[in-house]
Amino acid sequence: MEPLIALVVGAIGLLVPVTARWAAGGLIALMVAVFPANVSAARRHATQGDPLGPRTLLQILYIAAAAATLVRTPRQRAGAGCAA
């Protein structure tokens, strides 16, 4: 799957409470996996994007935001919607 498509699917998954934890974990894994390619592209000046410093800071910010979603999303409990 293309990284851009995976990012969009992951972002949509964050909006659905049932899938938010899995989507956050997947996005973190994806961002960590593509980071070496981003470093390589920045060093070779292969893209017109950000230099390595700002690119790295943004990547850390995105990973932290996804990790915050992992921490703040309540886990689904069996029978959470049932009245006692």
PDB file of N, CA and C in Angstrom:
ATOM      1  N   MET A   1       0.845  -1.170   0.000  1.00  0.00           N
ATOM      2  CA  MET A   1       0.000   0.000   0.000  1.00  0.00           C
ATOM      3  C   MET A   1       0.894   1.238   0.000  1.00  0.00           C
ATOM      4  N   GLU A   2       0.518   2.224  -0.758  1.00  0.00           N
ATOM      5  CA  GLU A   2       1.257   3.476  -0.804  1.00  0.00           C
ATOM      6  C   GLU A   2       1.208   4.161   0.567  1.00  0.00           C
ATOM      7  N   PRO A   3       2.305   4.778   0.996  1.00  0.00           N
ATOM      8  CA  PRO A   3       2.297   5.452   2.305  1.00  0.00           C
ATOM      9  C   PRO A   3       1.214   6.522   2.427  1.00  0.00           C
ATOM     10  N   LEU A   4       0.969   7.274   1.356  1.00  0.00           N
ATOM     11  CA  LEU A   4      -0.049   8.321   1.430  1.00  0.00           C
ATOM     12  C   LEU A   4      -1.434   7.726   1.658  1.00  0.00           C
ATOM     13  N   ILE A   5      -1.737   6.644   0.969  1.00  0.00           N
ATOM     14  CA  ILE A   5      -3.029   5.984   1.155  1.00  0.00           C
ATOM     15  C   ILE A   5      -3.131   5.433   2.573  1.00  0.00           C
ATOM     16  N   ALA A   6      -2.048   4.855   3.074  1.00  0.00           N
ATOM     17  CA  ALA A   6      -2.051   4.319   4.433  1.00  0.00           C
ATOM     18  C   ALA A   6      -2.251   5.430   5.455  1.00  0.00           C
ATOM     19  N   LEU A   7      -1.664   6.601   5.219  1.00  0.00           N
ATOM     20  CA  LEU A   7      -1.850   7.735   6.131  1.00  0.00           C
ATOM     21  C   LEU A   7      -3.301   8.203   6.139  1.00  0.00           C
ATOM     22  N   VAL A   8      -3.918   8.260   4.963  1.00  0.00           N
ATOM     23  CA  VAL A   8      -5.318   8.691   4.878  1.00  0.00           C
ATOM     24  C   VAL A   8      -6.230   7.681   5.561  1.00  0.00           C
ATOM     25  N   VAL A   9      -6.009   6.400   5.301  1.00  0.00           N
ATOM     26  CA  VAL A   9      -6.819   5.365   5.944  1.00  0.00           C
ATOM     27  C   VAL A   9      -6.622   5.401   7.460  1.00  0.00           C
ATOM     28  N   GLY A  10      -5.388   5.602   7.907  1.00  0.00           N
ATOM     29  CA  GLY A  10      -5.115   5.704   9.339  1.00  0.00           C
ATOM     30  C   GLY A  10      -5.793   6.912   9.959  1.00  0.00           C
ATOM     31  N   ALA A  11      -5.772   8.038   9.258  1.00  0.00           N
ATOM     32  CA  ALA A  11      -6.428   9.246   9.769  1.00  0.00           C
ATOM     33  C   ALA A  11      -7.927   9.042   9.892  1.00  0.00           C
ATOM     34  N   ILE A  12      -8.521   8.376   8.917  1.00  0.00           N
ATOM     35  CA  ILE A  12      -9.950   8.064   9.000  1.00  0.00           C
ATOM     36  C   ILE A  12     -10.207   7.112  10.159  1.00  0.00           C
ATOM     37  N   GLY A  13      -9.311   6.150  10.352  1.00  0.00           N
ATOM     38  CA  GLY A  13      -9.443   5.214  11.464  1.00  0.00           C
ATOM     39  C   GLY A  13      -9.391   5.892  12.816  1.00  0.00           C
ATOM     40  N   LEU A  14      -8.663   7.002  12.914  1.00  0.00           N
ATOM     41  CA  LEU A  14      -8.610   7.746  14.172  1.00  0.00           C
ATOM     42  C   LEU A  14      -9.962   8.365  14.528  1.00  0.00           C
ATOM     43  N   LEU A  15     -10.776   8.605  13.527  1.00  0.00           N
ATOM     44  CA  LEU A  15     -12.083   9.231  13.755  1.00  0.00           C
ATOM     45  C   LEU A  15     -13.138   8.256  14.263  1.00  0.00           C
ATOM     46  N   VAL A  16     -12.876   6.965  14.112  1.00  0.00           N
ATOM     47  CA  VAL A  16     -13.818   5.936  14.540  1.00  0.00           C
ATOM     48  C   VAL A  16     -13.340   5.393  15.881  1.00  0.00           C
ATOM     49  N   PRO A  17     -14.114   5.591  16.958  1.00  0.00           N
ATOM     50  CA  PRO A  17     -13.632   5.194  18.288  1.00  0.00           C
ATOM     51  C   PRO A  17     -13.216   3.729  18.396  1.00  0.00           C
ATOM     52  N   VAL A  18     -13.899   2.845  17.714  1.00  0.00           N
ATOM     53  CA  VAL A  18     -13.578   1.414  17.805  1.00  0.00           C
ATOM     54  C   VAL A  18     -12.213   1.105  17.197  1.00  0.00           C
ATOM     55  N   THR A  19     -11.823   1.845  16.183  1.00  0.00           N
ATOM     56  CA  THR A  19     -10.561   1.565  15.489  1.00  0.00           C
ATOM     57  C   THR A  19      -9.450   2.561  15.817  1.00  0.00           C
ATOM     58  N   ALA A  20      -9.726   3.534  16.675  1.00  0.00           N
ATOM     59  CA  ALA A  20      -8.755   4.611  16.919  1.00  0.00           C
ATOM     60  C   ALA A  20      -7.426   4.098  17.467  1.00  0.00           C
ATOM     61  N   ARG A  21      -7.454   3.157  18.403  1.00  0.00           N
ATOM     62  CA  ARG A  21      -6.206   2.640  18.980  1.00  0.00           C
ATOM     63  C   ARG A  21      -5.384   1.893  17.930  1.00  0.00           C
ATOM     64  N   TRP A  22      -6.032   1.063  17.138  1.00  0.00           N
ATOM     65  CA  TRP A  22      -5.317   0.331  16.091  1.00  0.00           C
ATOM     66  C   TRP A  22      -4.780   1.288  15.034  1.00  0.00           C
ATOM     67  N   ALA A  23      -5.580   2.275  14.675  1.00  0.00           N
ATOM     68  CA  ALA A  23      -5.140   3.249  13.669  1.00  0.00           C
ATOM     69  C   ALA A  23      -3.935   4.037  14.181  1.00  0.00           C
ATOM     70  N   ALA A  24      -3.966   4.449  15.446  1.00  0.00           N
ATOM     71  CA  ALA A  24      -2.833   5.193  16.018  1.00  0.00           C
ATOM     72  C   ALA A  24      -1.573   4.333  16.010  1.00  0.00           C
ATOM     73  N   GLY A  25      -1.698   3.083  16.412  1.00  0.00           N
ATOM     74  CA  GLY A  25      -0.540   2.183  16.395  1.00  0.00           C
ATOM     75  C   GLY A  25       0.000   1.972  14.992  1.00  0.00           C
ATOM     76  N   GLY A  26      -0.911   1.812  14.034  1.00  0.00           N
ATOM     77  CA  GLY A  26      -0.491   1.644  12.644  1.00  0.00           C
ATOM     78  C   GLY A  26       0.192   2.883  12.092  1.00  0.00           C
ATOM     79  N   LEU A  27      -0.342   4.051  12.436  1.00  0.00           N
ATOM     80  CA  LEU A  27       0.277   5.292  11.969  1.00  0.00           C
ATOM     81  C   LEU A  27       1.664   5.488  12.566  1.00  0.00           C
ATOM     82  N   ILE A  28       1.821   5.164  13.834  1.00  0.00           N
ATOM     83  CA  ILE A  28       3.146   5.266  14.459  1.00  0.00           C
ATOM     84  C   ILE A  28       4.130   4.331  13.750  1.00  0.00           C
ATOM     85  N   ALA A  29       3.707   3.099  13.514  1.00  0.00           N
ATOM     86  CA  ALA A  29       4.582   2.135  12.826  1.00  0.00           C
ATOM     87  C   ALA A  29       4.939   2.628  11.429  1.00  0.00           C
ATOM     88  N   LEU A  30       3.959   3.166  10.718  1.00  0.00           N
ATOM     89  CA  LEU A  30       4.211   3.669   9.368  1.00  0.00           C
ATOM     90  C   LEU A  30       5.186   4.840   9.382  1.00  0.00           C
ATOM     91  N   MET A  31       4.976   5.784  10.304  1.00  0.00           N
ATOM     92  CA  MET A  31       5.856   6.952  10.352  1.00  0.00           C
ATOM     93  C   MET A  31       7.284   6.582  10.738  1.00  0.00           C
ATOM     94  N   VAL A  32       7.432   5.613  11.627  1.00  0.00           N
ATOM     95  CA  VAL A  32       8.774   5.142  11.986  1.00  0.00           C
ATOM     96  C   VAL A  32       9.409   4.416  10.801  1.00  0.00           C
ATOM     97  N   ALA A  33       8.609   3.649  10.076  1.00  0.00           N
ATOM     98  CA  ALA A  33       9.140   2.874   8.949  1.00  0.00           C
ATOM     99  C   ALA A  33       9.582   3.766   7.789  1.00  0.00           C
ATOM    100  N   VAL A  34       8.862   4.855   7.510  1.00  0.00           N
ATOM    101  CA  VAL A  34       9.223   5.692   6.361  1.00  0.00           C
ATOM    102  C   VAL A  34      10.242   6.778   6.716  1.00  0.00           C
ATOM    103  N   PHE A  35      10.545   6.934   8.004  1.00  0.00           N
ATOM    104  CA  PHE A  35      11.481   7.983   8.396  1.00  0.00           C
ATOM    105  C   PHE A  35      12.857   7.835   7.740  1.00  0.00           C
ATOM    106  N   PRO A  36      13.449   6.643   7.679  1.00  0.00           N
ATOM    107  CA  PRO A  36      14.756   6.539   6.987  1.00  0.00           C
ATOM    108  C   PRO A  36      14.695   6.977   5.524  1.00  0.00           C
ATOM    109  N   ALA A  37      13.587   6.717   4.855  1.00  0.00           N
ATOM    110  CA  ALA A  37      13.451   7.174   3.465  1.00  0.00           C
ATOM    111  C   ALA A  37      13.359   8.696   3.402  1.00  0.00           C
ATOM    112  N   ASN A  38      12.700   9.296   4.374  1.00  0.00           N
ATOM    113  CA  ASN A  38      12.631  10.757   4.429  1.00  0.00           C
ATOM    114  C   ASN A  38      14.015  11.363   4.651  1.00  0.00           C
ATOM    115  N   VAL A  39      14.800  10.751   5.522  1.00  0.00           N
ATOM    116  CA  VAL A  39      16.167  11.229   5.781  1.00  0.00           C
ATOM    117  C   VAL A  39      17.003  11.108   4.502  1.00  0.00           C
ATOM    118  N   SER A  40      16.890   9.981   3.840  1.00  0.00           N
ATOM    119  CA  SER A  40      17.648   9.769   2.608  1.00  0.00           C
ATOM    120  C   SER A  40      17.260  10.788   1.545  1.00  0.00           C
ATOM    121  N   ALA A  41      15.971  11.030   1.378  1.00  0.00           N
ATOM    122  CA  ALA A  41      15.517  11.997   0.381  1.00  0.00           C
ATOM    123  C   ALA A  41      15.995  13.405   0.718  1.00  0.00           C
ATOM    124  N   ALA A  42      15.972  13.761   1.993  1.00  0.00           N
ATOM    125  CA  ALA A  42      16.426  15.099   2.394  1.00  0.00           C
ATOM    126  C   ALA A  42      17.931  15.258   2.160  1.00  0.00           C
ATOM    127  N   ARG A  43      18.693  14.216   2.435  1.00  0.00           N
ATOM    128  CA  ARG A  43      20.156  14.297   2.243  1.00  0.00           C
ATOM    129  C   ARG A  43      20.538  14.384   0.770  1.00  0.00           C
ATOM    130  N   ARG A  44      19.748  13.721  -0.072  1.00  0.00           N
ATOM    131  CA  ARG A  44      20.041  13.739  -1.505  1.00  0.00           C
ATOM    132  C   ARG A  44      19.377  14.916  -2.210  1.00  0.00           C
ATOM    133  N   HIS A  45      18.619  15.712  -1.454  1.00  0.00           N
ATOM    134  CA  HIS A  45      17.863  16.823  -2.026  1.00  0.00           C
ATOM    135  C   HIS A  45      16.957  16.319  -3.139  1.00  0.00           C
ATOM    136  N   ALA A  46      16.386  15.131  -2.931  1.00  0.00           N
ATOM    137  CA  ALA A  46      15.558  14.489  -3.949  1.00  0.00           C
ATOM    138  C   ALA A  46      14.161  15.087  -4.016  1.00  0.00           C
ATOM    139  N   THR A  47      13.753  15.793  -2.990  1.00  0.00           N
ATOM    140  CA  THR A  47      12.410  16.364  -2.971  1.00  0.00           C
ATOM    141  C   THR A  47      12.496  17.867  -2.780  1.00  0.00           C
ATOM    142  N   GLN A  48      11.413  18.535  -3.043  1.00  0.00           N
ATOM    143  CA  GLN A  48      11.336  19.976  -2.835  1.00  0.00           C
ATOM    144  C   GLN A  48      10.800  20.298  -1.443  1.00  0.00           C
ATOM    145  N   GLY A  49      10.713  19.292  -0.585  1.00  0.00           N
ATOM    146  CA  GLY A  49      10.130  19.458   0.735  1.00  0.00           C
ATOM    147  C   GLY A  49      11.057  20.143   1.723  1.00  0.00           C
ATOM    148  N   ASP A  50      10.736  19.933   2.984  1.00  0.00           N
ATOM    149  CA  ASP A  50      11.471  20.561   4.077  1.00  0.00           C
ATOM    150  C   ASP A  50      12.883  19.987   4.194  1.00  0.00           C
ATOM    151  N   PRO A  51      13.823  20.811   4.709  1.00  0.00           N
ATOM    152  CA  PRO A  51      15.142  20.276   5.042  1.00  0.00           C
ATOM    153  C   PRO A  51      15.030  19.256   6.183  1.00  0.00           C
ATOM    154  N   LEU A  52      16.098  18.566   6.452  1.00  0.00           N
ATOM    155  CA  LEU A  52      16.074  17.452   7.409  1.00  0.00           C
ATOM    156  C   LEU A  52      15.635  17.871   8.814  1.00  0.00           C
ATOM    157  N   GLY A  53      16.113  19.005   9.323  1.00  0.00           N
ATOM    158  CA  GLY A  53      15.763  19.434  10.678  1.00  0.00           C
ATOM    159  C   GLY A  53      14.262  19.611  10.882  1.00  0.00           C
ATOM    160  N   PRO A  54      13.612  20.489  10.098  1.00  0.00           N
ATOM    161  CA  PRO A  54      12.167  20.667  10.257  1.00  0.00           C
ATOM    162  C   PRO A  54      11.379  19.389   9.950  1.00  0.00           C
ATOM    163  N   ARG A  55      11.852  18.612   8.991  1.00  0.00           N
ATOM    164  CA  ARG A  55      11.178  17.357   8.647  1.00  0.00           C
ATOM    165  C   ARG A  55      11.199  16.400   9.837  1.00  0.00           C
ATOM    166  N   THR A  56      12.339  16.341  10.521  1.00  0.00           N
ATOM    167  CA  THR A  56      12.461  15.465  11.690  1.00  0.00           C
ATOM    168  C   THR A  56      11.556  15.936  12.820  1.00  0.00           C
ATOM    169  N   LEU A  57      11.520  17.244  13.056  1.00  0.00           N
ATOM    170  CA  LEU A  57      10.657  17.775  14.108  1.00  0.00           C
ATOM    171  C   LEU A  57       9.185  17.497  13.826  1.00  0.00           C
ATOM    172  N   LEU A  58       8.773  17.652  12.590  1.00  0.00           N
ATOM    173  CA  LEU A  58       7.387  17.347  12.234  1.00  0.00           C
ATOM    174  C   LEU A  58       7.079  15.870  12.422  1.00  0.00           C
ATOM    175  N   GLN A  59       8.003  15.020  12.030  1.00  0.00           N
ATOM    176  CA  GLN A  59       7.798  13.581  12.188  1.00  0.00           C
ATOM    177  C   GLN A  59       7.634  13.226  13.665  1.00  0.00           C
ATOM    178  N   ILE A  60       8.465  13.816  14.535  1.00  0.00           N
ATOM    179  CA  ILE A  60       8.354  13.573  15.977  1.00  0.00           C
ATOM    180  C   ILE A  60       7.009  14.083  16.497  1.00  0.00           C
ATOM    181  N   LEU A  61       6.581  15.248  16.022  1.00  0.00           N
ATOM    182  CA  LEU A  61       5.284  15.801  16.431  1.00  0.00           C
ATOM    183  C   LEU A  61       4.140  14.876  16.027  1.00  0.00           C
ATOM    184  N   TYR A  62       4.173  14.363  14.806  1.00  0.00           N
ATOM    185  CA  TYR A  62       3.114  13.463  14.334  1.00  0.00           C
ATOM    186  C   TYR A  62       3.091  12.164  15.134  1.00  0.00           C
ATOM    187  N   ILE A  63       4.266  11.619  15.428  1.00  0.00           N
ATOM    188  CA  ILE A  63       4.327  10.391  16.217  1.00  0.00           C
ATOM    189  C   ILE A  63       3.801  10.648  17.626  1.00  0.00           C
ATOM    190  N   ALA A  64       4.148  11.795  18.213  1.00  0.00           N
ATOM    191  CA  ALA A  64       3.649  12.133  19.550  1.00  0.00           C
ATOM    192  C   ALA A  64       2.139  12.305  19.547  1.00  0.00           C
ATOM    193  N   ALA A  65       1.595  12.902  18.503  1.00  0.00           N
ATOM    194  CA  ALA A  65       0.139  13.077  18.420  1.00  0.00           C
ATOM    195  C   ALA A  65      -0.567  11.720  18.318  1.00  0.00           C
ATOM    196  N   ALA A  66      -0.014  10.826  17.522  1.00  0.00           N
ATOM    197  CA  ALA A  66      -0.609   9.490  17.419  1.00  0.00           C
ATOM    198  C   ALA A  66      -0.470   8.735  18.735  1.00  0.00           C
ATOM    199  N   ALA A  67       0.668   8.893  19.411  1.00  0.00           N
ATOM    200  CA  ALA A  67       0.861   8.241  20.708  1.00  0.00           C
ATOM    201  C   ALA A  67      -0.111   8.797  21.747  1.00  0.00           C
ATOM    202  N   ALA A  68      -0.397  10.096  21.687  1.00  0.00           N
ATOM    203  CA  ALA A  68      -1.375  10.687  22.606  1.00  0.00           C
ATOM    204  C   ALA A  68      -2.752  10.084  22.368  1.00  0.00           C
ATOM    205  N   THR A  69      -3.065   9.788  21.131  1.00  0.00           N
ATOM    206  CA  THR A  69      -4.337   9.136  20.821  1.00  0.00           C
ATOM    207  C   THR A  69      -4.375   7.743  21.437  1.00  0.00           C
ATOM    208  N   LEU A  70      -3.238   7.042  21.393  1.00  0.00           N
ATOM    209  CA  LEU A  70      -3.178   5.711  22.012  1.00  0.00           C
ATOM    210  C   LEU A  70      -3.442   5.785  23.512  1.00  0.00           C
ATOM    211  N   VAL A  71      -2.881   6.793  24.156  1.00  0.00           N
ATOM    212  CA  VAL A  71      -3.000   6.927  25.606  1.00  0.00           C
ATOM    213  C   VAL A  71      -4.382   7.419  26.000  1.00  0.00           C
ATOM    214  N   ARG A  72      -4.941   8.343  25.245  1.00  0.00           N
ATOM    215  CA  ARG A  72      -6.189   8.981  25.635  1.00  0.00           C
ATOM    216  C   ARG A  72      -7.451   8.265  25.158  1.00  0.00           C
ATOM    217  N   THR A  73      -7.339   7.343  24.246  1.00  0.00           N
ATOM    218  CA  THR A  73      -8.519   6.648  23.754  1.00  0.00           C
ATOM    219  C   THR A  73      -8.916   5.564  24.739  1.00  0.00           C
ATOM    220  N   PRO A  74     -10.139   5.643  25.294  1.00  0.00           N
ATOM    221  CA  PRO A  74     -10.549   4.605  26.238  1.00  0.00           C
ATOM    222  C   PRO A  74     -10.713   3.267  25.531  1.00  0.00           C
ATOM    223  N   ARG A  75     -10.318   2.240  26.221  1.00  0.00           N
ATOM    224  CA  ARG A  75     -10.467   0.901  25.657  1.00  0.00           C
ATOM    225  C   ARG A  75     -11.928   0.488  25.702  1.00  0.00           C
ATOM    226  N   GLN A  76     -12.340  -0.237  24.694  1.00  0.00           N
ATOM    227  CA  GLN A  76     -13.699  -0.758  24.660  1.00  0.00           C
ATOM    228  C   GLN A  76     -13.795  -1.918  25.644  1.00  0.00           C
ATOM    229  N   ARG A  77     -14.756  -1.845  26.535  1.00  0.00           N
ATOM    230  CA  ARG A  77     -14.933  -2.926  27.503  1.00  0.00           C
ATOM    231  C   ARG A  77     -16.146  -3.741  27.117  1.00  0.00           C
ATOM    232  N   ALA A  78     -16.081  -5.015  27.377  1.00  0.00           N
ATOM    233  CA  ALA A  78     -17.213  -5.892  27.086  1.00  0.00           C
ATOM    234  C   ALA A  78     -18.384  -5.463  27.947  1.00  0.00           C
ATOM    235  N   GLY A  79     -19.515  -5.249  27.320  1.00  0.00           N
ATOM    236  CA  GLY A  79     -20.721  -4.883  28.060  1.00  0.00           C
ATOM    237  C   GLY A  79     -20.737  -3.449  28.527  1.00  0.00           C
ATOM    238  N   ALA A  80     -19.933  -2.580  27.910  1.00  0.00           N
ATOM    239  CA  ALA A  80     -19.865  -1.190  28.361  1.00  0.00           C
ATOM    240  C   ALA A  80     -21.183  -0.465  28.159  1.00  0.00           C
ATOM    241  N   GLY A  81     -21.965  -0.897  27.177  1.00  0.00           N
ATOM    242  CA  GLY A  81     -23.222  -0.221  26.892  1.00  0.00           C
ATOM    243  C   GLY A  81     -24.411  -0.825  27.613  1.00  0.00           C
ATOM    244  N   CYS A  82     -24.213  -1.876  28.391  1.00  0.00           N
ATOM    245  CA  CYS A  82     -25.313  -2.558  29.070  1.00  0.00           C
ATOM    246  C   CYS A  82     -25.602  -1.884  30.405  1.00  0.00           C
ATOM    247  N   ALA A  83     -26.874  -1.754  30.690  1.00  0.00           N
ATOM    248  CA  ALA A  83     -27.280  -1.197  31.985  1.00  0.00           C
ATOM    249  C   ALA A  83     -27.232  -2.296  33.037  1.00  0.00           C
ATOM    250  N   ALA A  84     -26.770  -1.948  34.226  1.00  0.00           N
ATOM    251  CA  ALA A  84     -26.662  -2.940  35.284  1.00  0.00           C
ATOM    252  C   ALA A  84     -27.912  -2.990  36.119  1.00  0.00           C
TER     253      ALA A  84
END
